[in-house]
PDB file of N, CA and C in Angstrom:
ATOM      1  N   MET A   1     149.207  65.561  77.538  1.00  0.00           N
ATOM      2  CA  MET A   1     148.771  66.927  77.269  1.00  0.00           C
ATOM      3  C   MET A   1     147.284  66.864  76.891  1.00  0.00           C
ATOM      4  N   ASP A   2     146.458  67.637  77.601  1.00  0.00           N
ATOM      5  CA  ASP A   2     145.039  67.612  77.260  1.00  0.00           C
ATOM      6  C   ASP A   2     144.762  68.438  76.006  1.00  0.00           C
ATOM      7  N   ALA A   3     143.557  68.310  75.479  1.00  0.00           N
ATOM      8  CA  ALA A   3     143.213  68.933  74.188  1.00  0.00           C
ATOM      9  C   ALA A   3     143.348  70.452  74.219  1.00  0.00           C
ATOM     10  N   LYS A   4     142.970  71.066  75.342  1.00  0.00           N
ATOM     11  CA  LYS A   4     143.056  72.528  75.454  1.00  0.00           C
ATOM     12  C   LYS A   4     144.504  73.000  75.376  1.00  0.00           C
ATOM     13  N   VAL A   5     145.368  72.335  76.101  1.00  0.00           N
ATOM     14  CA  VAL A   5     146.788  72.707  76.116  1.00  0.00           C
ATOM     15  C   VAL A   5     147.432  72.373  74.770  1.00  0.00           C
ATOM     16  N   GLU A   6     147.000  71.273  74.172  1.00  0.00           N
ATOM     17  CA  GLU A   6     147.530  70.900  72.861  1.00  0.00           C
ATOM     18  C   GLU A   6     147.178  71.953  71.806  1.00  0.00           C
ATOM     19  N   LYS A   7     145.950  72.473  71.871  1.00  0.00           N
ATOM     20  CA  LYS A   7     145.528  73.529  70.938  1.00  0.00           C
ATOM     21  C   LYS A   7     146.363  74.788  71.171  1.00  0.00           C
ATOM     22  N   LEU A   8     146.543  75.152  72.431  1.00  0.00           N
ATOM     23  CA  LEU A   8     147.354  76.322  72.770  1.00  0.00           C
ATOM     24  C   LEU A   8     148.786  76.138  72.276  1.00  0.00           C
ATOM     25  N   TYR A   9     149.345  74.953  72.463  1.00  0.00           N
ATOM     26  CA  TYR A   9     150.699  74.657  72.014  1.00  0.00           C
ATOM     27  C   TYR A   9     150.823  74.885  70.511  1.00  0.00           C
ATOM     28  N   SER A  10     149.843  74.423  69.769  1.00  0.00           N
ATOM     29  CA  SER A  10     149.838  74.606  68.313  1.00  0.00           C
ATOM     30  C   SER A  10     149.754  76.086  67.946  1.00  0.00           C
ATOM     31  N   GLU A  11     148.881  76.815  68.629  1.00  0.00           N
ATOM     32  CA  GLU A  11     148.739  78.257  68.365  1.00  0.00           C
ATOM     33  C   GLU A  11     150.025  79.009  68.690  1.00  0.00           C
ATOM     34  N   LEU A  12     150.663  78.641  69.779  1.00  0.00           N
ATOM     35  CA  LEU A  12     151.916  79.302  70.158  1.00  0.00           C
ATOM     36  C   LEU A  12     153.038  78.999  69.163  1.00  0.00           C
ATOM     37  N   ARG A  13     153.055  77.797  68.641  1.00  0.00           N
ATOM     38  CA  ARG A  13     154.051  77.468  67.615  1.00  0.00           C
ATOM     39  C   ARG A  13     153.828  78.313  66.362  1.00  0.00           C
ATOM     40  N   ASN A  14     152.566  78.514  65.984  1.00  0.00           N
ATOM     41  CA  ASN A  14     152.257  79.379  64.845  1.00  0.00           C
ATOM     42  C   ASN A  14     152.656  80.824  65.127  1.00  0.00           C
ATOM     43  N   THR A  15     152.385  81.274  66.334  1.00  0.00           N
ATOM     44  CA  THR A  15     152.764  82.635  66.723  1.00  0.00           C
ATOM     45  C   THR A  15     154.275  82.800  66.673  1.00  0.00           C
ATOM     46  N   ARG A  16     154.995  81.796  67.174  1.00  0.00           N
ATOM     47  CA  ARG A  16     156.465  81.846  67.134  1.00  0.00           C
ATOM     48  C   ARG A  16     156.948  82.004  65.695  1.00  0.00           C
ATOM     49  N   GLN A  17     156.367  81.250  64.779  1.00  0.00           N
ATOM     50  CA  GLN A  17     156.757  81.331  63.371  1.00  0.00           C
ATOM     51  C   GLN A  17     156.483  82.720  62.801  1.00  0.00           C
ATOM     52  N   GLU A  18     155.318  83.277  63.123  1.00  0.00           N
ATOM     53  CA  GLU A  18     154.977  84.620  62.641  1.00  0.00           C
ATOM     54  C   GLU A  18     155.947  85.663  63.184  1.00  0.00           C
ATOM     55  N   LEU A  19     156.311  85.541  64.458  1.00  0.00           N
ATOM     56  CA  LEU A  19     157.258  86.489  65.053  1.00  0.00           C
ATOM     57  C   LEU A  19     158.637  86.371  64.405  1.00  0.00           C
ATOM     58  N   LEU A  20     159.069  85.151  64.153  1.00  0.00           N
ATOM     59  CA  LEU A  20     160.361  84.961  63.486  1.00  0.00           C
ATOM     60  C   LEU A  20     160.350  85.558  62.087  1.00  0.00           C
ATOM     61  N   GLU A  21     159.248  85.394  61.381  1.00  0.00           N
ATOM     62  CA  GLU A  21     159.133  85.985  60.040  1.00  0.00           C
ATOM     63  C   GLU A  21     159.181  87.507  60.106  1.00  0.00           C
ATOM     64  N   LYS A  22     158.526  88.080  61.115  1.00  0.00           N
ATOM     65  CA  LYS A  22     158.565  89.543  61.285  1.00  0.00           C
ATOM     66  C   LYS A  22     159.988  90.024  61.551  1.00  0.00           C
ATOM     67  N   LEU A  23     160.730  89.276  62.346  1.00  0.00           N
ATOM     68  CA  LEU A  23     162.109  89.663  62.645  1.00  0.00           C
ATOM     69  C   LEU A  23     162.997  89.605  61.406  1.00  0.00           C
ATOM     70  N   MET A  24     162.718  88.668  60.520  1.00  0.00           N
ATOM     71  CA  MET A  24     163.529  88.530  59.308  1.00  0.00           C
ATOM     72  C   MET A  24     163.111  89.497  58.203  1.00  0.00           C
ATOM     73  N   ASP A  25     161.970  90.112  58.357  1.00  0.00           N
ATOM     74  CA  ASP A  25     161.467  91.050  57.358  1.00  0.00           C
ATOM     75  C   ASP A  25     162.258  92.358  57.462  1.00  0.00           C
ATOM     76  N   ASP A  26     162.952  92.709  56.412  1.00  0.00           N
ATOM     77  CA  ASP A  26     163.774  93.925  56.410  1.00  0.00           C
ATOM     78  C   ASP A  26     162.936  95.194  56.492  1.00  0.00           C
ATOM     79  N   ARG A  27     161.665  95.072  56.177  1.00  0.00           N
ATOM     80  CA  ARG A  27     160.803  96.255  56.185  1.00  0.00           C
ATOM     81  C   ARG A  27     160.237  96.568  57.565  1.00  0.00           C
ATOM     82  N   SER A  28     160.433  95.669  58.537  1.00  0.00           N
ATOM     83  CA  SER A  28     159.879  95.917  59.869  1.00  0.00           C
ATOM     84  C   SER A  28     160.647  97.038  60.562  1.00  0.00           C
ATOM     85  N   SER A  29     159.938  97.810  61.336  1.00  0.00           N
ATOM     86  CA  SER A  29     160.506  98.962  62.019  1.00  0.00           C
ATOM     87  C   SER A  29     161.530  98.540  63.078  1.00  0.00           C
ATOM     88  N   LYS A  30     162.624  99.253  63.126  1.00  0.00           N
ATOM     89  CA  LYS A  30     163.659  99.000  64.130  1.00  0.00           C
ATOM     90  C   LYS A  30     163.132  99.295  65.536  1.00  0.00           C
ATOM     91  N   LEU A  31     162.143 100.162  65.645  1.00  0.00           N
ATOM     92  CA  LEU A  31     161.572 100.509  66.939  1.00  0.00           C
ATOM     93  C   LEU A  31     160.707  99.377  67.498  1.00  0.00           C
ATOM     94  N   ILE A  32     160.138  98.590  66.614  1.00  0.00           N
ATOM     95  CA  ILE A  32     159.234  97.520  67.033  1.00  0.00           C
ATOM     96  C   ILE A  32     159.986  96.226  67.321  1.00  0.00           C
ATOM     97  N   ARG A  33     161.154  96.064  66.757  1.00  0.00           N
ATOM     98  CA  ARG A  33     161.924  94.820  66.916  1.00  0.00           C
ATOM     99  C   ARG A  33     162.118  94.387  68.377  1.00  0.00           C
ATOM    100  N   PRO A  34     162.431  95.295  69.311  1.00  0.00           N
ATOM    101  CA  PRO A  34     162.584  94.858  70.708  1.00  0.00           C
ATOM    102  C   PRO A  34     161.297  94.266  71.286  1.00  0.00           C
ATOM    103  N   PHE A  35     160.154  94.803  70.879  1.00  0.00           N
ATOM    104  CA  PHE A  35     158.878  94.278  71.361  1.00  0.00           C
ATOM    105  C   PHE A  35     158.606  92.892  70.768  1.00  0.00           C
ATOM    106  N   ILE A  36     158.975  92.711  69.516  1.00  0.00           N
ATOM    107  CA  ILE A  36     158.822  91.406  68.876  1.00  0.00           C
ATOM    108  C   ILE A  36     159.721  90.385  69.569  1.00  0.00           C
ATOM    109  N   LEU A  37     160.951  90.780  69.877  1.00  0.00           N
ATOM    110  CA  LEU A  37     161.880  89.884  70.574  1.00  0.00           C
ATOM    111  C   LEU A  37     161.358  89.505  71.965  1.00  0.00           C
ATOM    112  N   ASP A  38     160.803  90.480  72.687  1.00  0.00           N
ATOM    113  CA  ASP A  38     160.227  90.204  74.006  1.00  0.00           C
ATOM    114  C   ASP A  38     159.079  89.210  73.898  1.00  0.00           C
ATOM    115  N   GLU A  39     158.209  89.409  72.915  1.00  0.00           N
ATOM    116  CA  GLU A  39     157.077  88.510  72.718  1.00  0.00           C
ATOM    117  C   GLU A  39     157.561  87.119  72.319  1.00  0.00           C
ATOM    118  N   LEU A  40     158.575  87.065  71.477  1.00  0.00           N
ATOM    119  CA  LEU A  40     159.144  85.782  71.061  1.00  0.00           C
ATOM    120  C   LEU A  40     159.711  85.034  72.275  1.00  0.00           C
ATOM    121  N   TYR A  41     160.395  85.757  73.141  1.00  0.00           N
ATOM    122  CA  TYR A  41     160.929  85.149  74.358  1.00  0.00           C
ATOM    123  C   TYR A  41     159.802  84.567  75.213  1.00  0.00           C
ATOM    124  N   ASP A  42     158.716  85.322  75.383  1.00  0.00           N
ATOM    125  CA  ASP A  42     157.579  84.850  76.178  1.00  0.00           C
ATOM    126  C   ASP A  42     156.947  83.606  75.560  1.00  0.00           C
ATOM    127  N   VAL A  43     156.799  83.601  74.246  1.00  0.00           N
ATOM    128  CA  VAL A  43     156.211  82.456  73.557  1.00  0.00           C
ATOM    129  C   VAL A  43     157.114  81.234  73.709  1.00  0.00           C
ATOM    130  N   GLU A  44     158.418  81.417  73.500  1.00  0.00           N
ATOM    131  CA  GLU A  44     159.371  80.314  73.643  1.00  0.00           C
ATOM    132  C   GLU A  44     159.349  79.748  75.061  1.00  0.00           C
ATOM    133  N   SER A  45     159.302  80.630  76.033  1.00  0.00           N
ATOM    134  CA  SER A  45     159.273  80.215  77.433  1.00  0.00           C
ATOM    135  C   SER A  45     157.997  79.429  77.747  1.00  0.00           C
ATOM    136  N   THR A  46     156.881  79.870  77.205  1.00  0.00           N
ATOM    137  CA  THR A  46     155.612  79.173  77.428  1.00  0.00           C
ATOM    138  C   THR A  46     155.621  77.804  76.762  1.00  0.00           C
ATOM    139  N   LEU A  47     156.142  77.726  75.547  1.00  0.00           N
ATOM    140  CA  LEU A  47     156.253  76.434  74.870  1.00  0.00           C
ATOM    141  C   LEU A  47     157.101  75.463  75.694  1.00  0.00           C
ATOM    142  N   GLU A  48     158.183  75.968  76.241  1.00  0.00           N
ATOM    143  CA  GLU A  48     159.070  75.146  77.060  1.00  0.00           C
ATOM    144  C   GLU A  48     158.357  74.647  78.319  1.00  0.00           C
ATOM    145  N   ARG A  49     157.571  75.532  78.961  1.00  0.00           N
ATOM    146  CA  ARG A  49     156.834  75.130  80.163  1.00  0.00           C
ATOM    147  C   ARG A  49     155.782  74.067  79.827  1.00  0.00           C
ATOM    148  N   ILE A  50     155.139  74.202  78.672  1.00  0.00           N
ATOM    149  CA  ILE A  50     154.165  73.187  78.253  1.00  0.00           C
ATOM    150  C   ILE A  50     154.860  71.850  78.068  1.00  0.00           C
ATOM    151  N   GLU A  51     156.002  71.856  77.387  1.00  0.00           N
ATOM    152  CA  GLU A  51     156.749  70.617  77.125  1.00  0.00           C
ATOM    153  C   GLU A  51     157.203  69.939  78.419  1.00  0.00           C
ATOM    154  N   LYS A  52     157.518  70.746  79.431  1.00  0.00           N
ATOM    155  CA  LYS A  52     157.985  70.195  80.707  1.00  0.00           C
ATOM    156  C   LYS A  52     156.831  69.859  81.655  1.00  0.00           C
ATOM    157  N   GLY A  53     155.595  70.178  81.247  1.00  0.00           N
ATOM    158  CA  GLY A  53     154.442  69.906  82.096  1.00  0.00           C
ATOM    159  C   GLY A  53     154.259  70.915  83.212  1.00  0.00           C
ATOM    160  N   LEU A  54     154.844  72.093  83.062  1.00  0.00           N
ATOM    161  CA  LEU A  54     154.771  73.129  84.089  1.00  0.00           C
ATOM    162  C   LEU A  54     153.826  74.267  83.731  1.00  0.00           C
ATOM    163  N   TYR A  55     153.165  74.170  82.588  1.00  0.00           N
ATOM    164  CA  TYR A  55     152.300  75.265  82.139  1.00  0.00           C
ATOM    165  C   TYR A  55     151.143  75.454  83.116  1.00  0.00           C
ATOM    166  N   GLY A  56     150.858  76.704  83.424  1.00  0.00           N
ATOM    167  CA  GLY A  56     149.743  77.040  84.306  1.00  0.00           C
ATOM    168  C   GLY A  56     150.132  77.120  85.766  1.00  0.00           C
ATOM    169  N   LYS A  57     151.416  76.930  86.062  1.00  0.00           N
ATOM    170  CA  LYS A  57     151.910  77.025  87.433  1.00  0.00           C
ATOM    171  C   LYS A  57     152.812  78.241  87.566  1.00  0.00           C
ATOM    172  N   CYS A  58     152.710  78.902  88.694  1.00  0.00           N
ATOM    173  CA  CYS A  58     153.548  80.066  88.985  1.00  0.00           C
ATOM    174  C   CYS A  58     155.014  79.631  89.033  1.00  0.00           C
ATOM    175  N   GLU A  59     155.872  80.366  88.343  1.00  0.00           N
ATOM    176  CA  GLU A  59     157.305  80.046  88.327  1.00  0.00           C
ATOM    177  C   GLU A  59     157.975  80.294  89.674  1.00  0.00           C
ATOM    178  N   VAL A  60     157.349  81.101  90.525  1.00  0.00           N
ATOM    179  CA  VAL A  60     157.947  81.421  91.820  1.00  0.00           C
ATOM    180  C   VAL A  60     157.444  80.471  92.906  1.00  0.00           C
ATOM    181  N   SER A  61     156.109  80.344  93.031  1.00  0.00           N
ATOM    182  CA  SER A  61     155.531  79.572  94.126  1.00  0.00           C
ATOM    183  C   SER A  61     155.096  78.161  93.740  1.00  0.00           C
ATOM    184  N   GLY A  62     154.884  77.924  92.450  1.00  0.00           N
ATOM    185  CA  GLY A  62     154.390  76.620  92.010  1.00  0.00           C
ATOM    186  C   GLY A  62     152.880  76.489  92.080  1.00  0.00           C
ATOM    187  N   GLU A  63     152.200  77.538  92.577  1.00  0.00           N
ATOM    188  CA  GLU A  63     150.737  77.509  92.645  1.00  0.00           C
ATOM    189  C   GLU A  63     150.140  77.619  91.247  1.00  0.00           C
ATOM    190  N   LEU A  64     148.899  77.129  91.116  1.00  0.00           N
ATOM    191  CA  LEU A  64     148.214  77.219  89.831  1.00  0.00           C
ATOM    192  C   LEU A  64     147.795  78.649  89.532  1.00  0.00           C
ATOM    193  N   LEU A  65     147.961  79.054  88.297  1.00  0.00           N
ATOM    194  CA  LEU A  65     147.530  80.371  87.847  1.00  0.00           C
ATOM    195  C   LEU A  65     146.054  80.281  87.477  1.00  0.00           C
ATOM    196  N   PRO A  66     145.285  81.370  87.648  1.00  0.00           N
ATOM    197  CA  PRO A  66     143.857  81.343  87.330  1.00  0.00           C
ATOM    198  C   PRO A  66     143.604  81.051  85.849  1.00  0.00           C
ATOM    199  N   ASP A  67     142.730  80.076  85.589  1.00  0.00           N
ATOM    200  CA  ASP A  67     142.431  79.664  84.214  1.00  0.00           C
ATOM    201  C   ASP A  67     141.881  80.793  83.365  1.00  0.00           C
ATOM    202  N   ASP A  68     141.019  81.637  83.956  1.00  0.00           N
ATOM    203  CA  ASP A  68     140.406  82.708  83.160  1.00  0.00           C
ATOM    204  C   ASP A  68     141.438  83.721  82.692  1.00  0.00           C
ATOM    205  N   ILE A  69     142.421  83.998  83.514  1.00  0.00           N
ATOM    206  CA  ILE A  69     143.461  84.954  83.122  1.00  0.00           C
ATOM    207  C   ILE A  69     144.427  84.295  82.128  1.00  0.00           C
ATOM    208  N   LEU A  70     144.748  83.026  82.347  1.00  0.00           N
ATOM    209  CA  LEU A  70     145.613  82.309  81.406  1.00  0.00           C
ATOM    210  C   LEU A  70     144.965  82.207  80.031  1.00  0.00           C
ATOM    211  N   ALA A  71     143.646  82.085  79.999  1.00  0.00           N
ATOM    212  CA  ALA A  71     142.949  82.008  78.708  1.00  0.00           C
ATOM    213  C   ALA A  71     143.133  83.309  77.926  1.00  0.00           C
ATOM    214  N   ALA A  72     143.190  84.426  78.633  1.00  0.00           N
ATOM    215  CA  ALA A  72     143.360  85.727  77.978  1.00  0.00           C
ATOM    216  C   ALA A  72     144.823  86.015  77.655  1.00  0.00           C
ATOM    217  N   VAL A  73     145.725  85.636  78.556  1.00  0.00           N
ATOM    218  CA  VAL A  73     147.156  85.902  78.387  1.00  0.00           C
ATOM    219  C   VAL A  73     147.919  84.615  78.713  1.00  0.00           C
ATOM    220  N   PRO A  74     148.051  83.726  77.736  1.00  0.00           N
ATOM    221  CA  PRO A  74     148.647  82.408  78.015  1.00  0.00           C
ATOM    222  C   PRO A  74     150.139  82.422  78.326  1.00  0.00           C
ATOM    223  N   THR A  75     150.797  83.553  78.167  1.00  0.00           N
ATOM    224  CA  THR A  75     152.242  83.612  78.440  1.00  0.00           C
ATOM    225  C   THR A  75     152.561  84.114  79.846  1.00  0.00           C
ATOM    226  N   LEU A  76     151.556  84.220  80.712  1.00  0.00           N
ATOM    227  CA  LEU A  76     151.813  84.647  82.085  1.00  0.00           C
ATOM    228  C   LEU A  76     152.701  83.641  82.796  1.00  0.00           C
ATOM    229  N   LYS A  77     153.529  84.150  83.693  1.00  0.00           N
ATOM    230  CA  LYS A  77     154.494  83.281  84.358  1.00  0.00           C
ATOM    231  C   LYS A  77     154.297  83.183  85.863  1.00  0.00           C
ATOM    232  N   THR A  78     153.789  84.260  86.485  1.00  0.00           N
ATOM    233  CA  THR A  78     153.701  84.270  87.946  1.00  0.00           C
ATOM    234  C   THR A  78     152.353  84.804  88.426  1.00  0.00           C
ATOM    235  N   LEU A  79     152.047  84.525  89.689  1.00  0.00           N
ATOM    236  CA  LEU A  79     150.839  85.076  90.304  1.00  0.00           C
ATOM    237  C   LEU A  79     150.922  86.594  90.382  1.00  0.00           C
ATOM    238  N   ASP A  80     152.130  87.111  90.547  1.00  0.00           N
ATOM    239  CA  ASP A  80     152.310  88.562  90.573  1.00  0.00           C
ATOM    240  C   ASP A  80     151.887  89.185  89.244  1.00  0.00           C
ATOM    241  N   ASP A  81     152.215  88.523  88.132  1.00  0.00           N
ATOM    242  CA  ASP A  81     151.773  88.997  86.814  1.00  0.00           C
ATOM    243  C   ASP A  81     150.248  89.031  86.753  1.00  0.00           C
ATOM    244  N   CYS A  82     149.613  87.999  87.285  1.00  0.00           N
ATOM    245  CA  CYS A  82     148.145  87.933  87.291  1.00  0.00           C
ATOM    246  C   CYS A  82     147.554  89.062  88.122  1.00  0.00           C
ATOM    247  N   ASN A  83     148.135  89.304  89.287  1.00  0.00           N
ATOM    248  CA  ASN A  83     147.631  90.366  90.157  1.00  0.00           C
ATOM    249  C   ASN A  83     147.751  91.733  89.500  1.00  0.00           C
ATOM    250  N   ARG A  84     148.858  91.956  88.804  1.00  0.00           N
ATOM    251  CA  ARG A  84     149.020  93.232  88.102  1.00  0.00           C
ATOM    252  C   ARG A  84     147.975  93.384  87.007  1.00  0.00           C
ATOM    253  N   LEU A  85     147.682  92.318  86.303  1.00  0.00           N
ATOM    254  CA  LEU A  85     146.673  92.365  85.246  1.00  0.00           C
ATOM    255  C   LEU A  85     145.281  92.617  85.811  1.00  0.00           C
ATOM    256  N   GLU A  86     144.968  91.985  86.941  1.00  0.00           N
ATOM    257  CA  GLU A  86     143.648  92.154  87.537  1.00  0.00           C
ATOM    258  C   GLU A  86     143.386  93.613  87.891  1.00  0.00           C
ATOM    259  N   ASN A  87     144.421  94.367  88.230  1.00  0.00           N
ATOM    260  CA  ASN A  87     144.249  95.786  88.542  1.00  0.00           C
ATOM    261  C   ASN A  87     143.726  96.568  87.347  1.00  0.00           C
ATOM    262  N   TYR A  88     144.060  96.146  86.131  1.00  0.00           N
ATOM    263  CA  TYR A  88     143.585  96.829  84.934  1.00  0.00           C
ATOM    264  C   TYR A  88     142.108  96.540  84.667  1.00  0.00           C
ATOM    265  N   TYR A  89     141.638  95.412  85.138  1.00  0.00           N
ATOM    266  CA  TYR A  89     140.267  95.009  84.866  1.00  0.00           C
ATOM    267  C   TYR A  89     139.265  95.517  85.894  1.00  0.00           C
ATOM    268  N   ARG A  90     139.742  96.058  86.971  1.00  0.00           N
ATOM    269  CA  ARG A  90     138.843  96.571  88.001  1.00  0.00           C
ATOM    270  C   ARG A  90     138.222  97.885  87.574  1.00  0.00           C
ATOM    271  N   LYS A  91     136.948  97.993  87.863  1.00  0.00           N
ATOM    272  CA  LYS A  91     136.231  99.226  87.529  1.00  0.00           C
ATOM    273  C   LYS A  91     136.561 100.307  88.550  1.00  0.00           C
ATOM    274  N   SER A  92     136.794 101.493  88.077  1.00  0.00           N
ATOM    275  CA  SER A  92     137.129 102.613  88.931  1.00  0.00           C
ATOM    276  C   SER A  92     135.914 103.001  89.786  1.00  0.00           C
ATOM    277  N   LEU A  93     136.194 103.435  91.019  1.00  0.00           N
ATOM    278  CA  LEU A  93     135.116 103.912  91.879  1.00  0.00           C
ATOM    279  C   LEU A  93     134.677 105.309  91.475  1.00  0.00           C
ATOM    280  N   TYR A  94     135.532 106.022  90.805  1.00  0.00           N
ATOM    281  CA  TYR A  94     135.256 107.383  90.397  1.00  0.00           C
ATOM    282  C   TYR A  94     135.079 107.443  88.885  1.00  0.00           C
ATOM    283  N   GLU A  95     134.149 108.220  88.459  1.00  0.00           N
ATOM    284  CA  GLU A  95     133.944 108.359  87.018  1.00  0.00           C
ATOM    285  C   GLU A  95     134.168 109.771  86.550  1.00  0.00           C
TER     286      GLU A  95
END
């Protein structure tokens, strides 16, 4: 595991702990809990991919995911996810 991925792995483990603490907090909103669970699932899945040496590869095609997008959203799983995100970053032709 290279230093960049090792740092990300550590950050994701910390994020997982924070999410678990939020879920156990009785004061957290019932409306937010599903979003926390979804994020926890994504973090767990990413940690698993790192451990298996599959991080940064599309789960469907096996192609490498763009580094710049992974740096912003490290829990991406597929090239389709990347393409959907890129649509948000494009500047509109109309103002």
